[in-house]
Every structure is written in C-alpha cells, then in structure tokens.
C-alpha cells in the first residue's frame, strides 16, 4: 500500500452490516481511499479462504481465529460484536407448542449449523458442553431444513434471526444471551483481518479507512443504500434496516478495551473446554 498504493483484495459477506460498512470505500465514495478488489461470499466460505491466506483483508468468524493467528492480525474496526445479537438455536415446536430446553436435546439430535469455523458453532459447543451431531448448511438454508424435518434444530445467524418465527419455528436458546449471562461481556461474532504482510502503518491506515467508510454511510445513507439493498438476499427493507441497526454499532468503529477483553474471554473459555489450543491470543492492530 505504501507509496504506489497496490490494490488489495478485500473479502466480506453480502449481509447488510458488511455492505453498509464497506459501501463508501469499495464503491469509490471516499477520496484517497486505498484501492481494493472486492470479493463477496458467505462467511464460512470466507473462513475457509482465510485458511489459505487468500485475501489481504477479510471478514471472518471469531471462531476461526485460532487457526488463523499465524497469517493474520485483527483490525479494531469493521467487525461485528455487540449485545443482543448472538446466534439462536431454533426448532419446530412440539404438539403442545413448547420446545425442548438446551439440556433436553438428545445426544443424537441433528443440528444444522452454518459452518464448523463459525463463532455460532463454537458458542453452541460451549453451551452444550459436548460435541453435537451436526449437518453443515449455508446459513440461509437452515430455517428451511428445520421446517422440512431434515434437522431437529438449527443454529441461525444473520437475518434469519429476524424471520424464523414466520416459518413457525421457536427459539430453544439465544446463545448471545447465554454468553452475556455467563460472562457479562458482549459477544464477538466476526472480525476484519489484515494479512501479516501488511505493515503496521498501512494496517493502521486501513482501520482509519474503515472508520471513514462507516462514518460516510451514517451521514449519507441514501448513497450507500442501493449497494446494501442489491446484496441483501431479497430481504425486505424493514429486515435490512433491523439487521444494520443490530450488527453495526460502536464496536464496529473500534473494538475498544471491552471488545478485546470479550475476545480473549471467548478463547480462554474455549481452551478450558478443550475446543481450541491454550494461549490463543490474536494480535490487534
């Protein structure tokens, strides 16, 4: 980046929170912003691509960071972390309208999940205290799979949390709420990573660019909204707006000490449960 400003690859999801944050930067609305080539993909596909260090900058799940720390550092801006925004475990109601409690799920229950590297799956295993029987599906197929009986329960993320009830499903547990009750911390969901071949000064500049892009989006909603809407999986306007309001917040501007503490607590608890190696400590830019 320094000097000639080489173009970087930037990968993020088509979900409204990501497109809202990055619209101004990637659609040429920020004068002097570093040039980037954009890749949009499902978050678990981005997690898998990061295993090969494919993109210089990428959105990933915090659940994937333990296997990425050698190749990437965490930018303090642009991620998804907050309160009241965690993944939900859902199921079809019983004939009496009830759903099983988390601890009542049979060991052989089939749970559809959005990916093995997602934070949602890490949280599910922490809350269950065991390894569940899972079927990996793209996040937007999970509700239908539960409705059709192809899964006994589904672990949902993104906009599905706003729409699952319209399919007649009920929530078994809100894993974000569970996490907050257990720790008092906000829940770390997704982060923006910078590959380690990006120098410190350039990485700091990227943090600033993300903050500028987010500030532009807040100040010029009408200019970024068409880009957000274009990639919003045909969700209606109200869901799109609710999605942005929930997942884009002060932590998206800067993780701060509280956000970093929450990330470290996640990995400490996962290590004690034997789900990740001891001593996972991502480096924050």
C-alpha atoms as a PDB file:
ATOM      1  CA  UNK A   1       0.000   0.000   0.000  1.00  0.00           C
ATOM      2  CA  UNK A   2       2.662   2.498   0.945  1.00  0.00           C
ATOM      3  CA  UNK A   3       3.877   4.630  -1.907  1.00  0.00           C
ATOM      4  CA  UNK A   4       2.300   3.286  -5.090  1.00  0.00           C
ATOM      5  CA  UNK A   5      -0.849   2.008  -3.310  1.00  0.00           C
ATOM      6  CA  UNK A   6      -1.031  -1.533  -4.643  1.00  0.00           C
ATOM      7  CA  UNK A   7      -4.563  -2.899  -4.911  1.00  0.00           C
ATOM      8  CA  UNK A   8      -5.566  -5.209  -2.064  1.00  0.00           C
ATOM      9  CA  UNK A   9      -8.143  -7.973  -2.093  1.00  0.00           C
ATOM     10  CA  UNK A  10     -10.939  -7.287   0.401  1.00  0.00           C
ATOM     11  CA  UNK A  11     -13.452 -10.049   1.144  1.00  0.00           C
ATOM     12  CA  UNK A  12     -16.650  -9.683   3.150  1.00  0.00           C
ATOM     13  CA  UNK A  13     -20.162 -11.075   3.255  1.00  0.00           C
ATOM     14  CA  UNK A  14     -23.142  -9.723   1.296  1.00  0.00           C
ATOM     15  CA  UNK A  15     -25.009  -9.213   4.590  1.00  0.00           C
ATOM     16  CA  UNK A  16     -26.274  -5.676   5.201  1.00  0.00           C
ATOM     17  CA  UNK A  17     -23.927  -4.927   8.097  1.00  0.00           C
ATOM     18  CA  UNK A  18     -20.847  -5.592   5.948  1.00  0.00           C
ATOM     19  CA  UNK A  19     -22.090  -3.878   2.808  1.00  0.00           C
ATOM     20  CA  UNK A  20     -23.183  -0.872   4.864  1.00  0.00           C
ATOM     21  CA  UNK A  21     -19.747  -0.556   6.473  1.00  0.00           C
ATOM     22  CA  UNK A  22     -17.758  -1.012   3.271  1.00  0.00           C
ATOM     23  CA  UNK A  23     -20.007   0.600   0.656  1.00  0.00           C
ATOM     24  CA  UNK A  24     -18.390   4.036   0.677  1.00  0.00           C
ATOM     25  CA  UNK A  25     -14.869   2.619   0.471  1.00  0.00           C
ATOM     26  CA  UNK A  26     -15.472  -0.028  -2.162  1.00  0.00           C
ATOM     27  CA  UNK A  27     -17.873   1.998  -4.323  1.00  0.00           C
ATOM     28  CA  UNK A  28     -15.479   4.919  -4.786  1.00  0.00           C
ATOM     29  CA  UNK A  29     -17.166   7.363  -2.423  1.00  0.00           C
ATOM     30  CA  UNK A  30     -14.063   8.065  -0.299  1.00  0.00           C
ATOM     31  CA  UNK A  31     -11.452  10.310  -1.858  1.00  0.00           C
ATOM     32  CA  UNK A  32      -7.941   8.946  -1.399  1.00  0.00           C
ATOM     33  CA  UNK A  33      -9.013   5.573  -0.043  1.00  0.00           C
ATOM     34  CA  UNK A  34      -6.664   2.680  -0.872  1.00  0.00           C
ATOM     35  CA  UNK A  35      -7.756   0.696  -3.943  1.00  0.00           C
ATOM     36  CA  UNK A  36      -9.280  -2.736  -3.312  1.00  0.00           C
ATOM     37  CA  UNK A  37     -10.693  -5.597  -5.325  1.00  0.00           C
ATOM     38  CA  UNK A  38     -13.830  -6.892  -3.634  1.00  0.00           C
ATOM     39  CA  UNK A  39     -14.954 -10.477  -3.091  1.00  0.00           C
ATOM     40  CA  UNK A  40     -18.398 -11.158  -1.593  1.00  0.00           C
ATOM     41  CA  UNK A  41     -19.070 -14.598  -0.124  1.00  0.00           C
ATOM     42  CA  UNK A  42     -20.751 -16.490   2.704  1.00  0.00           C
ATOM     43  CA  UNK A  43     -18.867 -16.146   5.979  1.00  0.00           C
ATOM     44  CA  UNK A  44     -17.931 -19.831   6.206  1.00  0.00           C
ATOM     45  CA  UNK A  45     -16.546 -19.654   2.664  1.00  0.00           C
ATOM     46  CA  UNK A  46     -14.501 -16.650   3.807  1.00  0.00           C
ATOM     47  CA  UNK A  47     -13.299 -18.614   6.833  1.00  0.00           C
ATOM     48  CA  UNK A  48     -12.140 -21.405   4.529  1.00  0.00           C
ATOM     49  CA  UNK A  49     -10.413 -18.989   2.142  1.00  0.00           C
ATOM     50  CA  UNK A  50      -8.579 -17.422   5.080  1.00  0.00           C
ATOM     51  CA  UNK A  51      -7.073 -20.818   5.897  1.00  0.00           C
ATOM     52  CA  UNK A  52      -5.115 -20.334   2.664  1.00  0.00           C
ATOM     53  CA  UNK A  53      -4.454 -16.626   3.398  1.00  0.00           C
ATOM     54  CA  UNK A  54      -6.142 -15.928   0.062  1.00  0.00           C
ATOM     55  CA  UNK A  55      -7.225 -12.341   0.746  1.00  0.00           C
ATOM     56  CA  UNK A  56      -5.166  -9.487   2.136  1.00  0.00           C
ATOM     57  CA  UNK A  57      -8.205  -8.244   4.065  1.00  0.00           C
ATOM     58  CA  UNK A  58     -11.101 -10.465   5.023  1.00  0.00           C
ATOM     59  CA  UNK A  59     -14.149 -10.745   7.232  1.00  0.00           C
ATOM     60  CA  UNK A  60     -14.081 -13.945   9.269  1.00  0.00           C
ATOM     61  CA  UNK A  61     -15.799 -15.528  12.251  1.00  0.00           C
ATOM     62  CA  UNK A  62     -14.051 -15.152  15.594  1.00  0.00           C
ATOM     63  CA  UNK A  63     -14.461 -18.908  15.874  1.00  0.00           C
ATOM     64  CA  UNK A  64     -11.937 -19.285  13.040  1.00  0.00           C
ATOM     65  CA  UNK A  65      -9.231 -17.065  14.524  1.00  0.00           C
ATOM     66  CA  UNK A  66      -7.414 -19.814  16.491  1.00  0.00           C
ATOM     67  CA  UNK A  67      -6.324 -21.366  13.176  1.00  0.00           C
ATOM     68  CA  UNK A  68      -5.554 -18.013  11.508  1.00  0.00           C
ATOM     69  CA  UNK A  69      -3.357 -16.195  14.022  1.00  0.00           C
ATOM     70  CA  UNK A  70      -0.122 -17.104  12.227  1.00  0.00           C
ATOM     71  CA  UNK A  71      -1.244 -15.442   8.976  1.00  0.00           C
ATOM     72  CA  UNK A  72      -3.456 -12.551  10.093  1.00  0.00           C
ATOM     73  CA  UNK A  73      -3.880  -9.763  12.630  1.00  0.00           C
ATOM     74  CA  UNK A  74      -7.236  -8.378  13.786  1.00  0.00           C
ATOM     75  CA  UNK A  75      -8.224  -4.869  12.768  1.00  0.00           C
ATOM     76  CA  UNK A  76     -10.022  -2.968  15.505  1.00  0.00           C
ATOM     77  CA  UNK A  77     -12.602  -1.594  13.049  1.00  0.00           C
ATOM     78  CA  UNK A  78     -15.250  -3.102  10.798  1.00  0.00           C
ATOM     79  CA  UNK A  79     -16.189  -6.209  12.736  1.00  0.00           C
ATOM     80  CA  UNK A  80     -19.367  -7.495  14.373  1.00  0.00           C
ATOM     81  CA  UNK A  81     -19.507  -7.561  18.156  1.00  0.00           C
ATOM     82  CA  UNK A  82     -22.288  -6.492  20.450  1.00  0.00           C
ATOM     83  CA  UNK A  83     -25.121  -7.293  22.810  1.00  0.00           C
ATOM     84  CA  UNK A  84     -28.456  -8.876  21.945  1.00  0.00           C
ATOM     85  CA  UNK A  85     -27.093 -10.053  18.601  1.00  0.00           C
ATOM     86  CA  UNK A  86     -25.947 -13.633  19.165  1.00  0.00           C
ATOM     87  CA  UNK A  87     -26.858 -16.763  17.200  1.00  0.00           C
ATOM     88  CA  UNK A  88     -30.068 -18.606  18.009  1.00  0.00           C
ATOM     89  CA  UNK A  89     -30.753 -22.327  18.253  1.00  0.00           C
ATOM     90  CA  UNK A  90     -34.249 -22.949  16.859  1.00  0.00           C
ATOM     91  CA  UNK A  91     -36.575 -25.907  16.391  1.00  0.00           C
ATOM     92  CA  UNK A  92     -40.087 -26.891  15.374  1.00  0.00           C
ATOM     93  CA  UNK A  93     -42.470 -26.648  18.329  1.00  0.00           C
ATOM     94  CA  UNK A  94     -43.884 -29.780  19.931  1.00  0.00           C
ATOM     95  CA  UNK A  95     -47.613 -30.509  19.566  1.00  0.00           C
ATOM     96  CA  UNK A  96     -48.239 -28.584  22.799  1.00  0.00           C
ATOM     97  CA  UNK A  97     -46.342 -25.586  21.410  1.00  0.00           C
ATOM     98  CA  UNK A  98     -43.277 -25.991  23.616  1.00  0.00           C
ATOM     99  CA  UNK A  99     -39.664 -26.584  22.546  1.00  0.00           C
ATOM    100  CA  UNK A 100     -37.003 -28.562  24.402  1.00  0.00           C
ATOM    101  CA  UNK A 101     -34.556 -26.749  26.643  1.00  0.00           C
ATOM    102  CA  UNK A 102     -30.946 -26.853  25.513  1.00  0.00           C
ATOM    103  CA  UNK A 103     -30.084 -29.565  28.021  1.00  0.00           C
ATOM    104  CA  UNK A 104     -33.039 -31.687  26.865  1.00  0.00           C
ATOM    105  CA  UNK A 105     -31.749 -32.106  23.314  1.00  0.00           C
ATOM    106  CA  UNK A 106     -30.943 -35.775  22.689  1.00  0.00           C
ATOM    107  CA  UNK A 107     -27.290 -36.541  22.038  1.00  0.00           C
ATOM    108  CA  UNK A 108     -28.209 -37.780  18.562  1.00  0.00           C
ATOM    109  CA  UNK A 109     -30.288 -34.716  17.635  1.00  0.00           C
ATOM    110  CA  UNK A 110     -29.371 -33.461  14.170  1.00  0.00           C
ATOM    111  CA  UNK A 111     -28.403 -29.791  14.323  1.00  0.00           C
ATOM    112  CA  UNK A 112     -27.963 -27.770  11.140  1.00  0.00           C
ATOM    113  CA  UNK A 113     -25.092 -25.288  11.557  1.00  0.00           C
ATOM    114  CA  UNK A 114     -23.723 -22.524   9.290  1.00  0.00           C
ATOM    115  CA  UNK A 115     -20.137 -23.800   9.458  1.00  0.00           C
ATOM    116  CA  UNK A 116     -17.640 -25.539  11.722  1.00  0.00           C
ATOM    117  CA  UNK A 117     -15.437 -22.434  11.940  1.00  0.00           C
ATOM    118  CA  UNK A 118     -18.241 -20.044  12.847  1.00  0.00           C
ATOM    119  CA  UNK A 119     -18.457 -18.365  16.223  1.00  0.00           C
ATOM    120  CA  UNK A 120     -22.006 -19.706  16.423  1.00  0.00           C
ATOM    121  CA  UNK A 121     -20.756 -23.301  16.407  1.00  0.00           C
ATOM    122  CA  UNK A 122     -18.084 -22.521  18.994  1.00  0.00           C
ATOM    123  CA  UNK A 123     -20.744 -20.989  21.270  1.00  0.00           C
ATOM    124  CA  UNK A 124     -23.076 -23.943  20.756  1.00  0.00           C
ATOM    125  CA  UNK A 125     -20.395 -26.392  21.897  1.00  0.00           C
ATOM    126  CA  UNK A 126     -19.551 -24.221  24.897  1.00  0.00           C
ATOM    127  CA  UNK A 127     -23.203 -24.039  25.936  1.00  0.00           C
ATOM    128  CA  UNK A 128     -23.906 -27.738  25.335  1.00  0.00           C
ATOM    129  CA  UNK A 129     -20.700 -28.924  26.965  1.00  0.00           C
ATOM    130  CA  UNK A 130     -20.323 -31.585  24.281  1.00  0.00           C
ATOM    131  CA  UNK A 131     -19.869 -32.147  20.574  1.00  0.00           C
ATOM    132  CA  UNK A 132     -23.266 -32.255  18.836  1.00  0.00           C
ATOM    133  CA  UNK A 133     -24.243 -34.206  15.755  1.00  0.00           C
ATOM    134  CA  UNK A 134     -24.244 -31.593  13.007  1.00  0.00           C
ATOM    135  CA  UNK A 135     -25.042 -31.016   9.371  1.00  0.00           C
ATOM    136  CA  UNK A 136     -23.284 -28.045   7.753  1.00  0.00           C
ATOM    137  CA  UNK A 137     -25.516 -25.875   5.555  1.00  0.00           C
ATOM    138  CA  UNK A 138     -25.234 -22.369   4.170  1.00  0.00           C
ATOM    139  CA  UNK A 139     -26.778 -20.030   6.737  1.00  0.00           C
ATOM    140  CA  UNK A 140     -29.800 -19.113   4.568  1.00  0.00           C
ATOM    141  CA  UNK A 141     -30.825 -22.769   4.102  1.00  0.00           C
ATOM    142  CA  UNK A 142     -31.033 -23.699   7.778  1.00  0.00           C
ATOM    143  CA  UNK A 143     -34.567 -22.479   8.522  1.00  0.00           C
ATOM    144  CA  UNK A 144     -35.990 -24.444   5.586  1.00  0.00           C
ATOM    145  CA  UNK A 145     -34.065 -27.564   6.633  1.00  0.00           C
ATOM    146  CA  UNK A 146     -35.595 -27.421  10.113  1.00  0.00           C
ATOM    147  CA  UNK A 147     -39.070 -26.785   8.699  1.00  0.00           C
ATOM    148  CA  UNK A 148     -38.782 -29.822   6.417  1.00  0.00           C
ATOM    149  CA  UNK A 149     -37.603 -32.071   9.235  1.00  0.00           C
ATOM    150  CA  UNK A 150     -34.153 -32.526   7.728  1.00  0.00           C
ATOM    151  CA  UNK A 151     -32.712 -31.264  11.024  1.00  0.00           C
ATOM    152  CA  UNK A 152     -34.056 -31.462  14.573  1.00  0.00           C
ATOM    153  CA  UNK A 153     -32.710 -27.994  15.352  1.00  0.00           C
ATOM    154  CA  UNK A 154     -30.943 -25.205  13.521  1.00  0.00           C
ATOM    155  CA  UNK A 155     -28.255 -22.742  14.513  1.00  0.00           C
ATOM    156  CA  UNK A 156     -29.126 -19.458  12.816  1.00  0.00           C
ATOM    157  CA  UNK A 157     -27.180 -16.261  12.240  1.00  0.00           C
ATOM    158  CA  UNK A 158     -27.530 -13.055  10.217  1.00  0.00           C
ATOM    159  CA  UNK A 159     -31.002 -12.052   9.061  1.00  0.00           C
ATOM    160  CA  UNK A 160     -32.566 -15.433   9.883  1.00  0.00           C
ATOM    161  CA  UNK A 161     -32.952 -14.258  13.479  1.00  0.00           C
ATOM    162  CA  UNK A 162     -35.497 -11.698  12.238  1.00  0.00           C
ATOM    163  CA  UNK A 163     -37.541 -14.082  10.086  1.00  0.00           C
ATOM    164  CA  UNK A 164     -37.545 -17.603  11.591  1.00  0.00           C
ATOM    165  CA  UNK A 165     -40.813 -17.143  13.502  1.00  0.00           C
ATOM    166  CA  UNK A 166     -42.661 -16.532  10.249  1.00  0.00           C
ATOM    167  CA  UNK A 167     -41.794 -20.153   9.391  1.00  0.00           C
ATOM    168  CA  UNK A 168     -43.466 -21.418  12.575  1.00  0.00           C
ATOM    169  CA  UNK A 169     -40.219 -22.115  14.440  1.00  0.00           C
ATOM    170  CA  UNK A 170     -39.326 -21.309  18.036  1.00  0.00           C
ATOM    171  CA  UNK A 171     -36.119 -20.443  19.860  1.00  0.00           C
ATOM    172  CA  UNK A 172     -34.506 -23.034  22.130  1.00  0.00           C
ATOM    173  CA  UNK A 173     -31.725 -20.717  23.318  1.00  0.00           C
ATOM    174  CA  UNK A 174     -30.279 -17.351  22.416  1.00  0.00           C
ATOM    175  CA  UNK A 175     -26.557 -18.074  22.594  1.00  0.00           C
ATOM    176  CA  UNK A 176     -25.672 -14.411  22.721  1.00  0.00           C
ATOM    177  CA  UNK A 177     -27.902 -14.008  25.757  1.00  0.00           C
ATOM    178  CA  UNK A 178     -26.349 -17.145  27.264  1.00  0.00           C
ATOM    179  CA  UNK A 179     -22.881 -15.708  26.700  1.00  0.00           C
ATOM    180  CA  UNK A 180     -23.757 -12.352  28.244  1.00  0.00           C
ATOM    181  CA  UNK A 181     -25.268 -14.052  31.303  1.00  0.00           C
ATOM    182  CA  UNK A 182     -22.193 -16.238  31.699  1.00  0.00           C
ATOM    183  CA  UNK A 183     -19.571 -13.537  31.213  1.00  0.00           C
ATOM    184  CA  UNK A 184     -21.117 -10.075  31.282  1.00  0.00           C
ATOM    185  CA  UNK A 185     -19.291  -9.410  28.012  1.00  0.00           C
ATOM    186  CA  UNK A 186     -20.599  -8.508  24.564  1.00  0.00           C
ATOM    187  CA  UNK A 187     -20.399 -11.379  22.101  1.00  0.00           C
ATOM    188  CA  UNK A 188     -17.619 -11.349  19.470  1.00  0.00           C
ATOM    189  CA  UNK A 189     -19.108 -12.586  16.193  1.00  0.00           C
ATOM    190  CA  UNK A 190     -16.961 -11.517  13.238  1.00  0.00           C
ATOM    191  CA  UNK A 191     -13.742  -9.606  12.648  1.00  0.00           C
ATOM    192  CA  UNK A 192     -11.849  -7.971   9.824  1.00  0.00           C
ATOM    193  CA  UNK A 193      -8.374  -9.456   9.478  1.00  0.00           C
ATOM    194  CA  UNK A 194      -5.293  -7.986   7.808  1.00  0.00           C
ATOM    195  CA  UNK A 195      -2.723 -10.391   6.453  1.00  0.00           C
ATOM    196  CA  UNK A 196       0.654 -10.163   8.154  1.00  0.00           C
ATOM    197  CA  UNK A 197       2.415  -8.980   5.010  1.00  0.00           C
ATOM    198  CA  UNK A 198       0.626  -5.645   5.517  1.00  0.00           C
ATOM    199  CA  UNK A 199       2.878  -3.381   7.567  1.00  0.00           C
ATOM    200  CA  UNK A 200       1.853  -1.670  10.788  1.00  0.00           C
ATOM    201  CA  UNK A 201       1.467   1.819   9.309  1.00  0.00           C
ATOM    202  CA  UNK A 202      -0.632   0.502   6.429  1.00  0.00           C
ATOM    203  CA  UNK A 203      -2.771  -1.596   8.776  1.00  0.00           C
ATOM    204  CA  UNK A 204      -3.422   1.469  10.935  1.00  0.00           C
ATOM    205  CA  UNK A 205      -4.407   3.366   7.787  1.00  0.00           C
ATOM    206  CA  UNK A 206      -6.860   0.590   6.916  1.00  0.00           C
ATOM    207  CA  UNK A 207      -8.509   0.952  10.320  1.00  0.00           C
ATOM    208  CA  UNK A 208      -8.935   4.659   9.609  1.00  0.00           C
ATOM    209  CA  UNK A 209     -10.369   3.986   6.155  1.00  0.00           C
ATOM    210  CA  UNK A 210     -12.955   1.585   7.584  1.00  0.00           C
ATOM    211  CA  UNK A 211     -13.986   4.158  10.176  1.00  0.00           C
ATOM    212  CA  UNK A 212     -14.265   6.799   7.454  1.00  0.00           C
ATOM    213  CA  UNK A 213     -16.366   4.452   5.318  1.00  0.00           C
ATOM    214  CA  UNK A 214     -18.698   3.768   8.241  1.00  0.00           C
ATOM    215  CA  UNK A 215     -18.986   7.474   9.079  1.00  0.00           C
ATOM    216  CA  UNK A 216     -19.840   8.207   5.438  1.00  0.00           C
ATOM    217  CA  UNK A 217     -22.562   5.541   5.493  1.00  0.00           C
ATOM    218  CA  UNK A 218     -24.151   7.045   8.586  1.00  0.00           C
ATOM    219  CA  UNK A 219     -24.033  10.537   7.099  1.00  0.00           C
ATOM    220  CA  UNK A 220     -25.089   9.608   3.540  1.00  0.00           C
ATOM    221  CA  UNK A 221     -27.485   6.687   3.872  1.00  0.00           C
ATOM    222  CA  UNK A 222     -29.202   7.368   0.548  1.00  0.00           C
ATOM    223  CA  UNK A 223     -25.903   6.958  -1.314  1.00  0.00           C
ATOM    224  CA  UNK A 224     -24.938   3.611   0.224  1.00  0.00           C
ATOM    225  CA  UNK A 225     -28.433   2.086   0.493  1.00  0.00           C
ATOM    226  CA  UNK A 226     -28.652   0.879  -3.143  1.00  0.00           C
ATOM    227  CA  UNK A 227     -25.442  -1.156  -2.732  1.00  0.00           C
ATOM    228  CA  UNK A 228     -26.677  -2.647   0.540  1.00  0.00           C
ATOM    229  CA  UNK A 229     -30.069  -3.461  -0.960  1.00  0.00           C
ATOM    230  CA  UNK A 230     -28.512  -5.050  -4.052  1.00  0.00           C
ATOM    231  CA  UNK A 231     -26.855  -7.764  -1.970  1.00  0.00           C
ATOM    232  CA  UNK A 232     -29.457  -8.239   0.755  1.00  0.00           C
ATOM    233  CA  UNK A 233     -30.759 -11.679  -0.329  1.00  0.00           C
ATOM    234  CA  UNK A 234     -34.127 -10.202  -1.268  1.00  0.00           C
ATOM    235  CA  UNK A 235     -34.951  -9.398   2.366  1.00  0.00           C
ATOM    236  CA  UNK A 236     -37.490  -6.647   2.829  1.00  0.00           C
ATOM    237  CA  UNK A 237     -36.490  -3.129   3.749  1.00  0.00           C
ATOM    238  CA  UNK A 238     -37.514  -3.432   7.402  1.00  0.00           C
ATOM    239  CA  UNK A 239     -35.394  -6.556   7.946  1.00  0.00           C
ATOM    240  CA  UNK A 240     -32.442  -4.968   6.181  1.00  0.00           C
ATOM    241  CA  UNK A 241     -32.650  -1.903   8.419  1.00  0.00           C
ATOM    242  CA  UNK A 242     -33.064  -4.009  11.556  1.00  0.00           C
ATOM    243  CA  UNK A 243     -30.031  -6.043  10.557  1.00  0.00           C
ATOM    244  CA  UNK A 244     -27.859  -2.943  10.227  1.00  0.00           C
ATOM    245  CA  UNK A 245     -29.155  -1.466  13.478  1.00  0.00           C
ATOM    246  CA  UNK A 246     -28.336  -4.657  15.384  1.00  0.00           C
ATOM    247  CA  UNK A 247     -24.945  -5.591  13.975  1.00  0.00           C
ATOM    248  CA  UNK A 248     -23.413  -2.170  13.232  1.00  0.00           C
ATOM    249  CA  UNK A 249     -22.608  -0.325  16.447  1.00  0.00           C
ATOM    250  CA  UNK A 250     -19.838   1.401  18.366  1.00  0.00           C
ATOM    251  CA  UNK A 251     -17.740  -1.779  18.318  1.00  0.00           C
ATOM    252  CA  UNK A 252     -17.814  -1.662  14.519  1.00  0.00           C
ATOM    253  CA  UNK A 253     -15.995   1.654  14.739  1.00  0.00           C
ATOM    254  CA  UNK A 254     -13.465   0.397  17.278  1.00  0.00           C
ATOM    255  CA  UNK A 255     -13.416  -2.750  19.405  1.00  0.00           C
ATOM    256  CA  UNK A 256     -12.051  -0.847  22.380  1.00  0.00           C
ATOM    257  CA  UNK A 257     -10.740  -2.473  25.528  1.00  0.00           C
ATOM    258  CA  UNK A 258     -14.119  -4.053  26.285  1.00  0.00           C
ATOM    259  CA  UNK A 259     -14.311  -5.729  22.884  1.00  0.00           C
ATOM    260  CA  UNK A 260     -10.770  -7.060  23.096  1.00  0.00           C
ATOM    261  CA  UNK A 261     -11.445  -8.406  26.595  1.00  0.00           C
ATOM    262  CA  UNK A 262     -14.540 -10.215  25.266  1.00  0.00           C
ATOM    263  CA  UNK A 263     -12.494 -11.835  22.501  1.00  0.00           C
ATOM    264  CA  UNK A 264      -9.870 -13.028  24.954  1.00  0.00           C
ATOM    265  CA  UNK A 265     -12.545 -14.404  27.271  1.00  0.00           C
ATOM    266  CA  UNK A 266     -14.059 -16.370  24.389  1.00  0.00           C
ATOM    267  CA  UNK A 267     -10.773 -18.096  23.626  1.00  0.00           C
ATOM    268  CA  UNK A 268      -9.945 -18.657  27.298  1.00  0.00           C
ATOM    269  CA  UNK A 269     -13.260 -20.440  27.839  1.00  0.00           C
ATOM    270  CA  UNK A 270     -12.877 -22.411  24.598  1.00  0.00           C
ATOM    271  CA  UNK A 271      -9.393 -23.512  25.683  1.00  0.00           C
ATOM    272  CA  UNK A 272     -10.650 -24.659  29.094  1.00  0.00           C
ATOM    273  CA  UNK A 273     -13.310 -26.678  27.288  1.00  0.00           C
ATOM    274  CA  UNK A 274     -10.692 -28.268  25.050  1.00  0.00           C
ATOM    275  CA  UNK A 275     -12.131 -26.690  21.896  1.00  0.00           C
ATOM    276  CA  UNK A 276      -9.076 -24.600  20.952  1.00  0.00           C
ATOM    277  CA  UNK A 277      -5.412 -24.691  21.887  1.00  0.00           C
ATOM    278  CA  UNK A 278      -4.260 -22.971  25.065  1.00  0.00           C
ATOM    279  CA  UNK A 279      -2.846 -19.490  24.710  1.00  0.00           C
ATOM    280  CA  UNK A 280      -4.671 -18.271  21.598  1.00  0.00           C
ATOM    281  CA  UNK A 281      -4.038 -14.514  21.682  1.00  0.00           C
ATOM    282  CA  UNK A 282      -4.762 -12.733  18.400  1.00  0.00           C
ATOM    283  CA  UNK A 283      -2.782  -9.596  17.686  1.00  0.00           C
ATOM    284  CA  UNK A 284      -4.901  -6.458  17.354  1.00  0.00           C
ATOM    285  CA  UNK A 285      -3.889  -3.556  15.097  1.00  0.00           C
END
